[in-house]
Amino acid sequence: MSRRRRALAPALISAVLLPLTLTACGASTDADGGKPAAAEAAPGFPYTVTNCGVKTTYQAPPKRVVTMNQHVTEIMLALGLQKSLAGTAYLDDRILPAYEKAYRGVPVLAKEYPSKEKLLAANPDFVYGGYASAFDAKDGRGRDDLRASGINTRLNLENCVPGRTSMDDVYREVEEAGRTFGVSGRAEKWIARARTTVAATGTRLKGVEPLSVFVYDSGDKTAFTAGGKGIGNELIERAGGRNVFAGLDKSFGDATWEQVVARKPEVIVIYDYGSTTVAQKKKRLLDDPVLKDVPAIRNQRFAVMPLSDVVLGVRAPDAIGRLAAQLHPETAK
């Protein structure tokens, strides 16, 4: 599924840096590199983090950020960091209404991924990618290539969690983003609210019998579906479902239609994004004679989730509740 080592300029760092604001200089160094000249540190800095195998030390929050992929853009907006965004790219669907006003003020560099030239023209000191494809080395956007141009990077944790992705990884993503940008307090408040939301859904679902769920992302000759490794599997389980392809050791992967039939899913969750509409996806499934005896097809039991709901980002806590309301409407408020 698709999805300059910059010369340090400590003279640009203000003598006084306000806590938890984004007006500080974005100077940083690699953890194994040299240190800039002495300057008054921003609160919470220096901050060292290892992200998907890349270790970086930040002396102050980045100032000019480019986000690539919607879910990391929304993390920045949820943390009130829109003024740090020098550009953004690649929406899967619509930005959450709560963030639309802030998003309108951010330059859109490309409909999908920008070229390296267009990315560098935005003069970023930090690039935040949602999928590994954001840092495609073939297109000159590899993390090493960007670091050589003085640009630090972060890749969403769903791309490198060693085991199954969980809500703890969502909280870690927000916590580390908050620390990188000097807004730990905002991150902590978001995490506290998120935990409360997830717990409330769990309470409503107490005692319900999980329904077997097949995720239909796309595909014709084979079914592109959600495996057991991604956050999508966690959302299904917390929403009172059981992913029939949880044994697939990937976030996403292909399954045969015969495997779908054999697993007898009670509900089909359709991922809504791209040029193929939900109605078209539903028709393809209902019209396939191979699937006619699948319980979900026979009973026409479908749920719909925007793709941006089912990747590792700030939508996850509410997405669990939205999916639960579709799987178990009797529990909905």
C-alpha atoms as a PDB file:
ATOM      1  CA  MET A   1       0.000   0.000   0.000  1.00  0.00           C
ATOM      2  CA  SER A   2       1.161   3.358  -0.956  1.00  0.00           C
ATOM      3  CA  ARG A   3       1.501   5.281   0.874  1.00  0.00           C
ATOM      4  CA  ARG A   4      21.822  19.934   4.641  1.00  0.00           C
ATOM      5  CA  ARG A   5      23.701  18.422   7.434  1.00  0.00           C
ATOM      6  CA  ARG A   6      22.720  22.076   8.165  1.00  0.00           C
ATOM      7  CA  ALA A   7      25.414  24.239   9.674  1.00  0.00           C
ATOM      8  CA  LEU A   8      24.417  24.860  13.256  1.00  0.00           C
ATOM      9  CA  ALA A   9      23.638  28.475  13.948  1.00  0.00           C
ATOM     10  CA  PRO A  10      23.630  28.936  17.685  1.00  0.00           C
ATOM     11  CA  ALA A  11      23.770  32.693  17.211  1.00  0.00           C
ATOM     12  CA  LEU A  12      20.193  32.415  16.101  1.00  0.00           C
ATOM     13  CA  ILE A  13      19.153  30.887  19.414  1.00  0.00           C
ATOM     14  CA  SER A  14      17.567  33.563  21.565  1.00  0.00           C
ATOM     15  CA  ALA A  15      19.100  34.329  24.896  1.00  0.00           C
ATOM     16  CA  VAL A  16      15.741  33.665  26.506  1.00  0.00           C
ATOM     17  CA  LEU A  17      13.568  30.767  25.375  1.00  0.00           C
ATOM     18  CA  LEU A  18      10.006  30.572  26.689  1.00  0.00           C
ATOM     19  CA  PRO A  19       8.873  27.169  27.938  1.00  0.00           C
ATOM     20  CA  LEU A  20       6.625  25.087  25.716  1.00  0.00           C
ATOM     21  CA  THR A  21       6.541  27.565  22.866  1.00  0.00           C
ATOM     22  CA  LEU A  22       7.664  27.168  19.315  1.00  0.00           C
ATOM     23  CA  THR A  23       9.665  30.351  19.019  1.00  0.00           C
ATOM     24  CA  ALA A  24      12.944  28.686  19.885  1.00  0.00           C
ATOM     25  CA  CYS A  25      15.658  28.036  17.320  1.00  0.00           C
ATOM     26  CA  GLY A  26      15.516  24.598  15.727  1.00  0.00           C
ATOM     27  CA  ALA A  27      19.247  23.885  15.975  1.00  0.00           C
ATOM     28  CA  SER A  28      20.104  20.249  16.702  1.00  0.00           C
ATOM     29  CA  THR A  29      22.908  17.791  16.251  1.00  0.00           C
ATOM     30  CA  ASP A  30      23.140  14.068  15.653  1.00  0.00           C
ATOM     31  CA  ALA A  31      23.802  12.303  18.921  1.00  0.00           C
ATOM     32  CA  ASP A  32      27.224  11.168  17.744  1.00  0.00           C
ATOM     33  CA  GLY A  33      28.121  14.518  16.159  1.00  0.00           C
ATOM     34  CA  GLY A  34      29.681  17.689  17.458  1.00  0.00           C
ATOM     35  CA  LYS A  35      28.024  20.095  19.869  1.00  0.00           C
ATOM     36  CA  PRO A  36      27.162  23.679  19.030  1.00  0.00           C
ATOM     37  CA  ALA A  37      28.708  26.554  20.869  1.00  0.00           C
ATOM     38  CA  ALA A  38      27.384  27.112  24.377  1.00  0.00           C
ATOM     39  CA  ALA A  39      23.990  28.797  24.556  1.00  0.00           C
ATOM     40  CA  GLU A  40      21.175  28.866  27.045  1.00  0.00           C
ATOM     41  CA  ALA A  41      19.204  25.648  26.625  1.00  0.00           C
ATOM     42  CA  ALA A  42      15.474  25.613  26.024  1.00  0.00           C
ATOM     43  CA  PRO A  43      13.529  23.925  28.842  1.00  0.00           C
ATOM     44  CA  GLY A  44      13.587  20.165  28.292  1.00  0.00           C
ATOM     45  CA  PHE A  45      16.617  20.341  26.013  1.00  0.00           C
ATOM     46  CA  PRO A  46      18.933  18.891  24.948  1.00  0.00           C
ATOM     47  CA  TYR A  47      16.628  15.982  24.145  1.00  0.00           C
ATOM     48  CA  THR A  48      17.940  12.741  22.652  1.00  0.00           C
ATOM     49  CA  VAL A  49      15.629  10.221  21.046  1.00  0.00           C
ATOM     50  CA  THR A  50      16.117   7.094  18.951  1.00  0.00           C
ATOM     51  CA  ASN A  51      13.408   6.842  16.321  1.00  0.00           C
ATOM     52  CA  CYS A  52      13.198   3.798  14.076  1.00  0.00           C
ATOM     53  CA  GLY A  53      16.939   3.266  14.453  1.00  0.00           C
ATOM     54  CA  VAL A  54      17.978   6.903  13.972  1.00  0.00           C
ATOM     55  CA  LYS A  55      19.425   8.607  17.062  1.00  0.00           C
ATOM     56  CA  THR A  56      19.205  12.395  17.208  1.00  0.00           C
ATOM     57  CA  THR A  57      19.893  15.029  19.843  1.00  0.00           C
ATOM     58  CA  TYR A  58      17.849  18.229  19.687  1.00  0.00           C
ATOM     59  CA  GLN A  59      19.242  21.353  21.318  1.00  0.00           C
ATOM     60  CA  ALA A  60      15.934  23.190  20.792  1.00  0.00           C
ATOM     61  CA  PRO A  61      12.618  22.551  19.016  1.00  0.00           C
ATOM     62  CA  PRO A  62      12.675  22.403  15.202  1.00  0.00           C
ATOM     63  CA  LYS A  63      11.290  25.585  13.640  1.00  0.00           C
ATOM     64  CA  ARG A  64      10.497  24.691  10.013  1.00  0.00           C
ATOM     65  CA  VAL A  65       8.745  21.352   9.706  1.00  0.00           C
ATOM     66  CA  VAL A  66       7.398  19.510   6.688  1.00  0.00           C
ATOM     67  CA  THR A  67       4.914  16.714   7.372  1.00  0.00           C
ATOM     68  CA  MET A  68       4.322  13.973   4.829  1.00  0.00           C
ATOM     69  CA  ASN A  69       1.173  11.893   5.386  1.00  0.00           C
ATOM     70  CA  GLN A  70      -2.023  12.975   7.027  1.00  0.00           C
ATOM     71  CA  HIS A  71      -1.765  11.209  10.366  1.00  0.00           C
ATOM     72  CA  VAL A  72       1.510  12.913  11.315  1.00  0.00           C
ATOM     73  CA  THR A  73       0.149  16.268  10.120  1.00  0.00           C
ATOM     74  CA  GLU A  74      -2.763  15.780  12.499  1.00  0.00           C
ATOM     75  CA  ILE A  75      -0.396  14.934  15.371  1.00  0.00           C
ATOM     76  CA  MET A  76       1.307  18.289  14.846  1.00  0.00           C
ATOM     77  CA  LEU A  77      -2.026  20.102  14.692  1.00  0.00           C
ATOM     78  CA  ALA A  78      -3.351  18.298  17.770  1.00  0.00           C
ATOM     79  CA  LEU A  79      -0.299  19.578  19.669  1.00  0.00           C
ATOM     80  CA  GLY A  80      -0.931  23.153  18.498  1.00  0.00           C
ATOM     81  CA  LEU A  81       2.191  23.221  16.332  1.00  0.00           C
ATOM     82  CA  GLN A  82       0.770  24.638  13.104  1.00  0.00           C
ATOM     83  CA  LYS A  83       3.048  27.701  13.290  1.00  0.00           C
ATOM     84  CA  SER A  84       6.029  25.343  13.016  1.00  0.00           C
ATOM     85  CA  LEU A  85       4.761  23.841   9.760  1.00  0.00           C
ATOM     86  CA  ALA A  86       6.612  25.097   6.698  1.00  0.00           C
ATOM     87  CA  GLY A  87       4.705  22.680   4.510  1.00  0.00           C
ATOM     88  CA  THR A  88       2.685  19.489   4.321  1.00  0.00           C
ATOM     89  CA  ALA A  89       1.876  16.809   1.774  1.00  0.00           C
ATOM     90  CA  TYR A  90      -0.222  13.714   1.116  1.00  0.00           C
ATOM     91  CA  LEU A  91      -3.743  13.566   2.512  1.00  0.00           C
ATOM     92  CA  ASP A  92      -5.545  10.221   2.540  1.00  0.00           C
ATOM     93  CA  ASP A  93      -8.916  11.851   3.058  1.00  0.00           C
ATOM     94  CA  ARG A  94     -10.232  14.915   4.896  1.00  0.00           C
ATOM     95  CA  ILE A  95      -8.450  16.628   7.771  1.00  0.00           C
ATOM     96  CA  LEU A  96     -10.416  16.358  11.001  1.00  0.00           C
ATOM     97  CA  PRO A  97     -12.856  19.275  11.291  1.00  0.00           C
ATOM     98  CA  ALA A  98     -11.261  20.380  14.569  1.00  0.00           C
ATOM     99  CA  TYR A  99      -7.988  21.007  12.709  1.00  0.00           C
ATOM    100  CA  GLU A 100      -9.297  22.401   9.404  1.00  0.00           C
ATOM    101  CA  LYS A 101      -8.809  26.065  10.277  1.00  0.00           C
ATOM    102  CA  ALA A 102      -5.213  25.512  11.403  1.00  0.00           C
ATOM    103  CA  TYR A 103      -4.517  23.306   8.376  1.00  0.00           C
ATOM    104  CA  ARG A 104      -5.682  25.966   5.915  1.00  0.00           C
ATOM    105  CA  GLY A 105      -2.748  28.138   6.949  1.00  0.00           C
ATOM    106  CA  VAL A 106      -0.145  25.486   6.063  1.00  0.00           C
ATOM    107  CA  PRO A 107       1.423  25.462   2.566  1.00  0.00           C
ATOM    108  CA  VAL A 108       0.625  22.247   0.664  1.00  0.00           C
ATOM    109  CA  LEU A 109       3.787  21.200  -1.171  1.00  0.00           C
ATOM    110  CA  ALA A 110       2.288  18.365  -3.202  1.00  0.00           C
ATOM    111  CA  LYS A 111      -0.836  16.253  -3.531  1.00  0.00           C
ATOM    112  CA  GLU A 112       1.261  13.196  -2.767  1.00  0.00           C
ATOM    113  CA  TYR A 113       4.989  13.175  -1.947  1.00  0.00           C
ATOM    114  CA  PRO A 114       6.970  16.228  -3.087  1.00  0.00           C
ATOM    115  CA  SER A 115      10.134  15.869  -5.123  1.00  0.00           C
ATOM    116  CA  LYS A 116      13.380  16.323  -3.233  1.00  0.00           C
ATOM    117  CA  GLU A 117      13.807  19.702  -4.910  1.00  0.00           C
ATOM    118  CA  LYS A 118      10.383  20.919  -3.812  1.00  0.00           C
ATOM    119  CA  LEU A 119      10.967  19.568  -0.313  1.00  0.00           C
ATOM    120  CA  LEU A 120      14.303  21.373   0.021  1.00  0.00           C
ATOM    121  CA  ALA A 121      12.778  24.562  -1.396  1.00  0.00           C
ATOM    122  CA  ALA A 122      10.592  24.735   1.729  1.00  0.00           C
ATOM    123  CA  ASN A 123      13.862  25.056   3.707  1.00  0.00           C
ATOM    124  CA  PRO A 124      12.850  22.578   6.455  1.00  0.00           C
ATOM    125  CA  ASP A 125      14.972  21.734   9.462  1.00  0.00           C
ATOM    126  CA  PHE A 126      12.764  18.708  10.216  1.00  0.00           C
ATOM    127  CA  VAL A 127      10.696  16.269   8.129  1.00  0.00           C
ATOM    128  CA  TYR A 128       8.050  14.089   9.766  1.00  0.00           C
ATOM    129  CA  GLY A 129       6.916  11.071   7.751  1.00  0.00           C
ATOM    130  CA  GLY A 130       3.920   8.867   8.352  1.00  0.00           C
ATOM    131  CA  TYR A 131       4.907   5.913   6.163  1.00  0.00           C
ATOM    132  CA  ALA A 132       8.344   4.559   5.242  1.00  0.00           C
ATOM    133  CA  SER A 133       7.588   5.597   1.654  1.00  0.00           C
ATOM    134  CA  ALA A 134       7.874   9.225   2.772  1.00  0.00           C
ATOM    135  CA  PHE A 135      11.622   8.643   3.066  1.00  0.00           C
ATOM    136  CA  ASP A 136      12.133   6.842  -0.228  1.00  0.00           C
ATOM    137  CA  ALA A 137      15.871   6.842  -0.951  1.00  0.00           C
ATOM    138  CA  LYS A 138      15.243   6.312  -4.679  1.00  0.00           C
ATOM    139  CA  ASP A 139      13.577   9.726  -4.767  1.00  0.00           C
ATOM    140  CA  GLY A 140      16.390  11.370  -2.795  1.00  0.00           C
ATOM    141  CA  ARG A 141      14.298  11.640   0.376  1.00  0.00           C
ATOM    142  CA  GLY A 142      16.097   8.994   2.427  1.00  0.00           C
ATOM    143  CA  ARG A 143      16.663   9.863   6.074  1.00  0.00           C
ATOM    144  CA  ASP A 144      20.436   9.699   5.587  1.00  0.00           C
ATOM    145  CA  ASP A 145      20.178  11.951   2.524  1.00  0.00           C
ATOM    146  CA  LEU A 146      18.140  14.501   4.442  1.00  0.00           C
ATOM    147  CA  ARG A 147      20.471  14.408   7.423  1.00  0.00           C
ATOM    148  CA  ALA A 148      23.372  15.105   5.053  1.00  0.00           C
ATOM    149  CA  SER A 149      21.463  18.238   4.065  1.00  0.00           C
ATOM    150  CA  GLY A 150      21.135  19.300   7.720  1.00  0.00           C
ATOM    151  CA  ILE A 151      17.524  18.124   8.076  1.00  0.00           C
ATOM    152  CA  ASN A 152      16.430  15.978  10.994  1.00  0.00           C
ATOM    153  CA  THR A 153      13.650  13.460  10.552  1.00  0.00           C
ATOM    154  CA  ARG A 154      11.061  11.400  12.378  1.00  0.00           C
ATOM    155  CA  LEU A 155       9.187   8.335  11.093  1.00  0.00           C
ATOM    156  CA  ASN A 156       5.861   7.300  12.628  1.00  0.00           C
ATOM    157  CA  LEU A 157       6.425   4.389  15.014  1.00  0.00           C
ATOM    158  CA  GLU A 158       3.963   2.073  13.287  1.00  0.00           C
ATOM    159  CA  ASN A 159       6.698   1.499  10.701  1.00  0.00           C
ATOM    160  CA  CYS A 160       9.196   0.082  13.169  1.00  0.00           C
ATOM    161  CA  VAL A 161       7.428  -1.388  16.214  1.00  0.00           C
ATOM    162  CA  PRO A 162       9.091  -4.797  16.724  1.00  0.00           C
ATOM    163  CA  GLY A 163       5.898  -6.631  17.710  1.00  0.00           C
ATOM    164  CA  ARG A 164       2.231  -5.772  17.410  1.00  0.00           C
ATOM    165  CA  THR A 165       1.375  -2.091  17.429  1.00  0.00           C
ATOM    166  CA  SER A 166      -0.687  -1.032  20.440  1.00  0.00           C
ATOM    167  CA  MET A 167      -2.262   2.061  21.935  1.00  0.00           C
ATOM    168  CA  ASP A 168       0.890   2.409  24.039  1.00  0.00           C
ATOM    169  CA  ASP A 169       2.712   3.120  20.768  1.00  0.00           C
ATOM    170  CA  VAL A 170       0.182   5.838  19.969  1.00  0.00           C
ATOM    171  CA  TYR A 171       0.859   7.437  23.350  1.00  0.00           C
ATOM    172  CA  ARG A 172       4.617   7.102  22.807  1.00  0.00           C
ATOM    173  CA  GLU A 173       4.385   8.746  19.380  1.00  0.00           C
ATOM    174  CA  VAL A 174       2.577  11.751  20.812  1.00  0.00           C
ATOM    175  CA  GLU A 175       4.853  11.908  23.868  1.00  0.00           C
ATOM    176  CA  GLU A 176       8.047  11.866  21.766  1.00  0.00           C
ATOM    177  CA  ALA A 177       6.667  14.410  19.298  1.00  0.00           C
ATOM    178  CA  GLY A 178       5.728  16.626  22.238  1.00  0.00           C
ATOM    179  CA  ARG A 179       9.206  16.417  23.726  1.00  0.00           C
ATOM    180  CA  THR A 180      10.869  17.064  20.349  1.00  0.00           C
ATOM    181  CA  PHE A 181       8.897  20.283  19.976  1.00  0.00           C
ATOM    182  CA  GLY A 182       9.087  21.402  23.592  1.00  0.00           C
ATOM    183  CA  VAL A 183       5.384  20.929  24.275  1.00  0.00           C
ATOM    184  CA  SER A 184       5.451  17.984  26.664  1.00  0.00           C
ATOM    185  CA  GLY A 185       2.621  19.459  28.719  1.00  0.00           C
ATOM    186  CA  ARG A 186       0.296  19.487  25.715  1.00  0.00           C
ATOM    187  CA  ALA A 187       1.267  15.918  24.869  1.00  0.00           C
ATOM    188  CA  GLU A 188       0.610  14.743  28.420  1.00  0.00           C
ATOM    189  CA  LYS A 189      -2.837  16.344  28.429  1.00  0.00           C
ATOM    190  CA  TRP A 190      -3.692  14.726  25.104  1.00  0.00           C
ATOM    191  CA  ILE A 191      -2.544  11.317  26.341  1.00  0.00           C
ATOM    192  CA  ALA A 192      -4.582  11.630  29.540  1.00  0.00           C
ATOM    193  CA  ARG A 193      -7.729  12.463  27.554  1.00  0.00           C
ATOM    194  CA  ALA A 194      -7.015   9.640  25.120  1.00  0.00           C
ATOM    195  CA  ARG A 195      -6.665   7.072  27.894  1.00  0.00           C
ATOM    196  CA  THR A 196      -9.986   8.200  29.363  1.00  0.00           C
ATOM    197  CA  THR A 197     -11.706   7.877  25.970  1.00  0.00           C
ATOM    198  CA  VAL A 198     -10.324   4.379  25.364  1.00  0.00           C
ATOM    199  CA  ALA A 199     -11.270   3.254  28.867  1.00  0.00           C
ATOM    200  CA  ALA A 200     -14.819   4.540  28.453  1.00  0.00           C
ATOM    201  CA  THR A 201     -15.283   2.475  25.281  1.00  0.00           C
ATOM    202  CA  GLY A 202     -13.890  -0.580  27.040  1.00  0.00           C
ATOM    203  CA  THR A 203     -16.403  -0.143  29.835  1.00  0.00           C
ATOM    204  CA  ARG A 204     -19.297   0.056  27.371  1.00  0.00           C
ATOM    205  CA  LEU A 205     -18.127  -3.144  25.661  1.00  0.00           C
ATOM    206  CA  LYS A 206     -17.656  -5.149  28.827  1.00  0.00           C
ATOM    207  CA  GLY A 207     -19.175  -8.596  28.379  1.00  0.00           C
ATOM    208  CA  VAL A 208     -19.865  -8.370  24.633  1.00  0.00           C
ATOM    209  CA  GLU A 209     -18.960 -11.294  22.433  1.00  0.00           C
ATOM    210  CA  PRO A 210     -16.308 -10.297  19.849  1.00  0.00           C
ATOM    211  CA  LEU A 211     -17.416 -10.436  16.222  1.00  0.00           C
ATOM    212  CA  SER A 212     -15.149 -11.884  13.537  1.00  0.00           C
ATOM    213  CA  VAL A 213     -14.007  -9.081  11.221  1.00  0.00           C
ATOM    214  CA  PHE A 214     -12.470  -9.001   7.762  1.00  0.00           C
ATOM    215  CA  VAL A 215     -10.945  -5.696   6.656  1.00  0.00           C
ATOM    216  CA  TYR A 216     -11.318  -4.873   2.985  1.00  0.00           C
ATOM    217  CA  ASP A 217      -8.855  -2.195   2.003  1.00  0.00           C
ATOM    218  CA  SER A 218      -8.734  -2.872  -1.736  1.00  0.00           C
ATOM    219  CA  GLY A 219      -7.992  -5.544  -4.306  1.00  0.00           C
ATOM    220  CA  ASP A 220      -9.667  -7.653  -6.940  1.00  0.00           C
ATOM    221  CA  LYS A 221      -7.709 -10.836  -7.651  1.00  0.00           C
ATOM    222  CA  THR A 222      -6.627 -10.854  -4.011  1.00  0.00           C
ATOM    223  CA  ALA A 223      -7.854  -8.994  -0.952  1.00  0.00           C
ATOM    224  CA  PHE A 224      -5.563  -6.349   0.482  1.00  0.00           C
ATOM    225  CA  THR A 225      -6.364  -6.450   4.172  1.00  0.00           C
ATOM    226  CA  ALA A 226      -5.234  -5.481   7.660  1.00  0.00           C
ATOM    227  CA  GLY A 227      -2.832  -7.915   9.299  1.00  0.00           C
ATOM    228  CA  GLY A 228      -2.065  -8.363  12.966  1.00  0.00           C
ATOM    229  CA  LYS A 229       0.947  -6.079  13.257  1.00  0.00           C
ATOM    230  CA  GLY A 230      -0.587  -2.644  12.659  1.00  0.00           C
ATOM    231  CA  ILE A 231      -2.657  -0.393  14.875  1.00  0.00           C
ATOM    232  CA  GLY A 232      -5.722  -1.368  12.830  1.00  0.00           C
ATOM    233  CA  ASN A 233      -5.700  -4.798  14.481  1.00  0.00           C
ATOM    234  CA  GLU A 234      -5.574  -3.196  17.926  1.00  0.00           C
ATOM    235  CA  LEU A 235      -8.509  -0.948  17.080  1.00  0.00           C
ATOM    236  CA  ILE A 236     -10.583  -3.933  15.963  1.00  0.00           C
ATOM    237  CA  GLU A 237      -9.869  -5.839  19.169  1.00  0.00           C
ATOM    238  CA  ARG A 238     -10.609  -2.851  21.414  1.00  0.00           C
ATOM    239  CA  ALA A 239     -13.829  -2.198  19.477  1.00  0.00           C
ATOM    240  CA  GLY A 240     -15.178  -5.675  20.185  1.00  0.00           C
ATOM    241  CA  GLY A 241     -13.947  -7.475  17.099  1.00  0.00           C
ATOM    242  CA  ARG A 242     -11.577 -10.255  16.156  1.00  0.00           C
ATOM    243  CA  ASN A 243      -9.492  -9.715  13.033  1.00  0.00           C
ATOM    244  CA  VAL A 244      -9.688 -12.907  10.963  1.00  0.00           C
ATOM    245  CA  PHE A 245      -6.238 -12.093   9.502  1.00  0.00           C
ATOM    246  CA  ALA A 246      -4.553 -11.257  12.804  1.00  0.00           C
ATOM    247  CA  GLY A 247      -2.097 -14.059  12.034  1.00  0.00           C
ATOM    248  CA  LEU A 248      -0.701 -12.082   9.096  1.00  0.00           C
ATOM    249  CA  ASP A 249       2.551 -10.668  10.487  1.00  0.00           C
ATOM    250  CA  LYS A 250       2.252  -7.340   8.693  1.00  0.00           C
ATOM    251  CA  SER A 251       0.291  -4.138   9.090  1.00  0.00           C
ATOM    252  CA  PHE A 252      -1.231  -4.783   5.661  1.00  0.00           C
ATOM    253  CA  GLY A 253      -0.996  -7.697   3.280  1.00  0.00           C
ATOM    254  CA  ASP A 254      -2.718  -9.800   0.631  1.00  0.00           C
ATOM    255  CA  ALA A 255      -5.081 -12.691   1.299  1.00  0.00           C
ATOM    256  CA  THR A 256      -6.863 -14.974  -1.134  1.00  0.00           C
ATOM    257  CA  TRP A 257     -10.629 -14.839  -1.422  1.00  0.00           C
ATOM    258  CA  GLU A 258     -10.694 -18.525  -0.530  1.00  0.00           C
ATOM    259  CA  GLN A 259      -9.044 -17.629   2.791  1.00  0.00           C
ATOM    260  CA  VAL A 260     -11.705 -14.978   3.383  1.00  0.00           C
ATOM    261  CA  VAL A 261     -14.441 -17.536   2.765  1.00  0.00           C
ATOM    262  CA  ALA A 262     -12.807 -20.086   5.071  1.00  0.00           C
ATOM    263  CA  ARG A 263     -12.613 -17.592   7.956  1.00  0.00           C
ATOM    264  CA  LYS A 264     -16.336 -16.766   7.753  1.00  0.00           C
ATOM    265  CA  PRO A 265     -16.215 -13.137   8.915  1.00  0.00           C
ATOM    266  CA  GLU A 266     -19.393 -11.792  10.481  1.00  0.00           C
ATOM    267  CA  VAL A 267     -18.598  -8.170   9.609  1.00  0.00           C
ATOM    268  CA  ILE A 268     -16.570  -6.572   6.813  1.00  0.00           C
ATOM    269  CA  VAL A 269     -14.840  -3.291   7.642  1.00  0.00           C
ATOM    270  CA  ILE A 270     -14.257  -1.219   4.512  1.00  0.00           C
ATOM    271  CA  TYR A 271     -11.417   1.288   4.536  1.00  0.00           C
ATOM    272  CA  ASP A 272     -12.567   4.492   2.877  1.00  0.00           C
ATOM    273  CA  TYR A 273      -9.966   6.418   0.869  1.00  0.00           C
ATOM    274  CA  GLY A 274      -8.765   7.078  -2.659  1.00  0.00           C
ATOM    275  CA  SER A 275     -10.691   7.105  -5.910  1.00  0.00           C
ATOM    276  CA  THR A 276     -12.664   3.894  -5.307  1.00  0.00           C
ATOM    277  CA  THR A 277     -15.765   4.722  -3.301  1.00  0.00           C
ATOM    278  CA  VAL A 278     -17.224   2.725  -0.433  1.00  0.00           C
ATOM    279  CA  ALA A 279     -20.260   1.982  -2.608  1.00  0.00           C
ATOM    280  CA  GLN A 280     -18.008   0.557  -5.342  1.00  0.00           C
ATOM    281  CA  LYS A 281     -16.096  -1.584  -2.856  1.00  0.00           C
ATOM    282  CA  LYS A 282     -19.308  -2.875  -1.319  1.00  0.00           C
ATOM    283  CA  LYS A 283     -20.724  -3.721  -4.760  1.00  0.00           C
ATOM    284  CA  ARG A 284     -17.571  -5.627  -5.685  1.00  0.00           C
ATOM    285  CA  LEU A 285     -17.927  -7.764  -2.547  1.00  0.00           C
ATOM    286  CA  LEU A 286     -21.673  -8.332  -2.863  1.00  0.00           C
ATOM    287  CA  ASP A 287     -21.421  -9.239  -6.556  1.00  0.00           C
ATOM    288  CA  ASP A 288     -18.656 -11.822  -6.086  1.00  0.00           C
ATOM    289  CA  PRO A 289     -20.248 -15.306  -6.232  1.00  0.00           C
ATOM    290  CA  VAL A 290     -17.266 -16.761  -4.356  1.00  0.00           C
ATOM    291  CA  LEU A 291     -18.284 -14.740  -1.288  1.00  0.00           C
ATOM    292  CA  LYS A 292     -22.022 -15.416  -1.354  1.00  0.00           C
ATOM    293  CA  ASP A 293     -21.975 -17.731   1.691  1.00  0.00           C
ATOM    294  CA  VAL A 294     -19.768 -15.505   3.853  1.00  0.00           C
ATOM    295  CA  PRO A 295     -21.931 -14.460   6.833  1.00  0.00           C
ATOM    296  CA  ALA A 296     -21.056 -10.769   6.458  1.00  0.00           C
ATOM    297  CA  ILE A 297     -22.083 -10.861   2.797  1.00  0.00           C
ATOM    298  CA  ARG A 298     -25.190 -12.916   3.388  1.00  0.00           C
ATOM    299  CA  ASN A 299     -26.322 -10.521   6.133  1.00  0.00           C
ATOM    300  CA  GLN A 300     -24.860  -7.422   4.453  1.00  0.00           C
ATOM    301  CA  ARG A 301     -23.039  -6.406   7.616  1.00  0.00           C
ATOM    302  CA  PHE A 302     -20.524  -3.697   6.806  1.00  0.00           C
ATOM    303  CA  ALA A 303     -18.673  -1.071   8.803  1.00  0.00           C
ATOM    304  CA  VAL A 304     -16.749   1.846   7.278  1.00  0.00           C
ATOM    305  CA  MET A 305     -13.607   3.539   8.570  1.00  0.00           C
ATOM    306  CA  PRO A 306     -11.606   6.340   6.907  1.00  0.00           C
ATOM    307  CA  LEU A 307      -8.041   5.188   6.307  1.00  0.00           C
ATOM    308  CA  SER A 308      -6.773   8.045   8.475  1.00  0.00           C
ATOM    309  CA  ASP A 309      -8.697   6.529  11.410  1.00  0.00           C
ATOM    310  CA  VAL A 310      -6.816   3.247  11.263  1.00  0.00           C
ATOM    311  CA  VAL A 311      -3.181   4.347  11.215  1.00  0.00           C
ATOM    312  CA  LEU A 312      -1.093   5.375  14.204  1.00  0.00           C
ATOM    313  CA  GLY A 313      -2.198   8.893  15.031  1.00  0.00           C
ATOM    314  CA  VAL A 314      -4.404  11.075  17.184  1.00  0.00           C
ATOM    315  CA  ARG A 315      -7.630   9.676  15.725  1.00  0.00           C
ATOM    316  CA  ALA A 316      -7.110   6.249  17.278  1.00  0.00           C
ATOM    317  CA  PRO A 317      -8.908   6.737  20.643  1.00  0.00           C
ATOM    318  CA  ASP A 318     -12.106   8.072  19.051  1.00  0.00           C
ATOM    319  CA  ALA A 319     -11.789   5.612  16.159  1.00  0.00           C
ATOM    320  CA  ILE A 320     -12.149   2.722  18.598  1.00  0.00           C
ATOM    321  CA  GLY A 321     -15.469   4.170  19.767  1.00  0.00           C
ATOM    322  CA  ARG A 322     -16.674   4.811  16.208  1.00  0.00           C
ATOM    323  CA  LEU A 323     -15.889   1.242  15.159  1.00  0.00           C
ATOM    324  CA  ALA A 324     -17.415  -0.194  18.326  1.00  0.00           C
ATOM    325  CA  ALA A 325     -20.661   1.665  17.589  1.00  0.00           C
ATOM    326  CA  GLN A 326     -20.803  -0.045  14.193  1.00  0.00           C
ATOM    327  CA  LEU A 327     -19.870  -3.530  15.406  1.00  0.00           C
ATOM    328  CA  HIS A 328     -22.027  -3.367  18.528  1.00  0.00           C
ATOM    329  CA  PRO A 329     -24.661  -0.646  18.005  1.00  0.00           C
ATOM    330  CA  GLU A 330     -26.500  -1.810  21.108  1.00  0.00           C
ATOM    331  CA  THR A 331     -23.636  -0.470  23.230  1.00  0.00           C
ATOM    332  CA  ALA A 332     -23.535   2.978  21.620  1.00  0.00           C
ATOM    333  CA  LYS A 333     -24.635   5.950  23.713  1.00  0.00           C
END
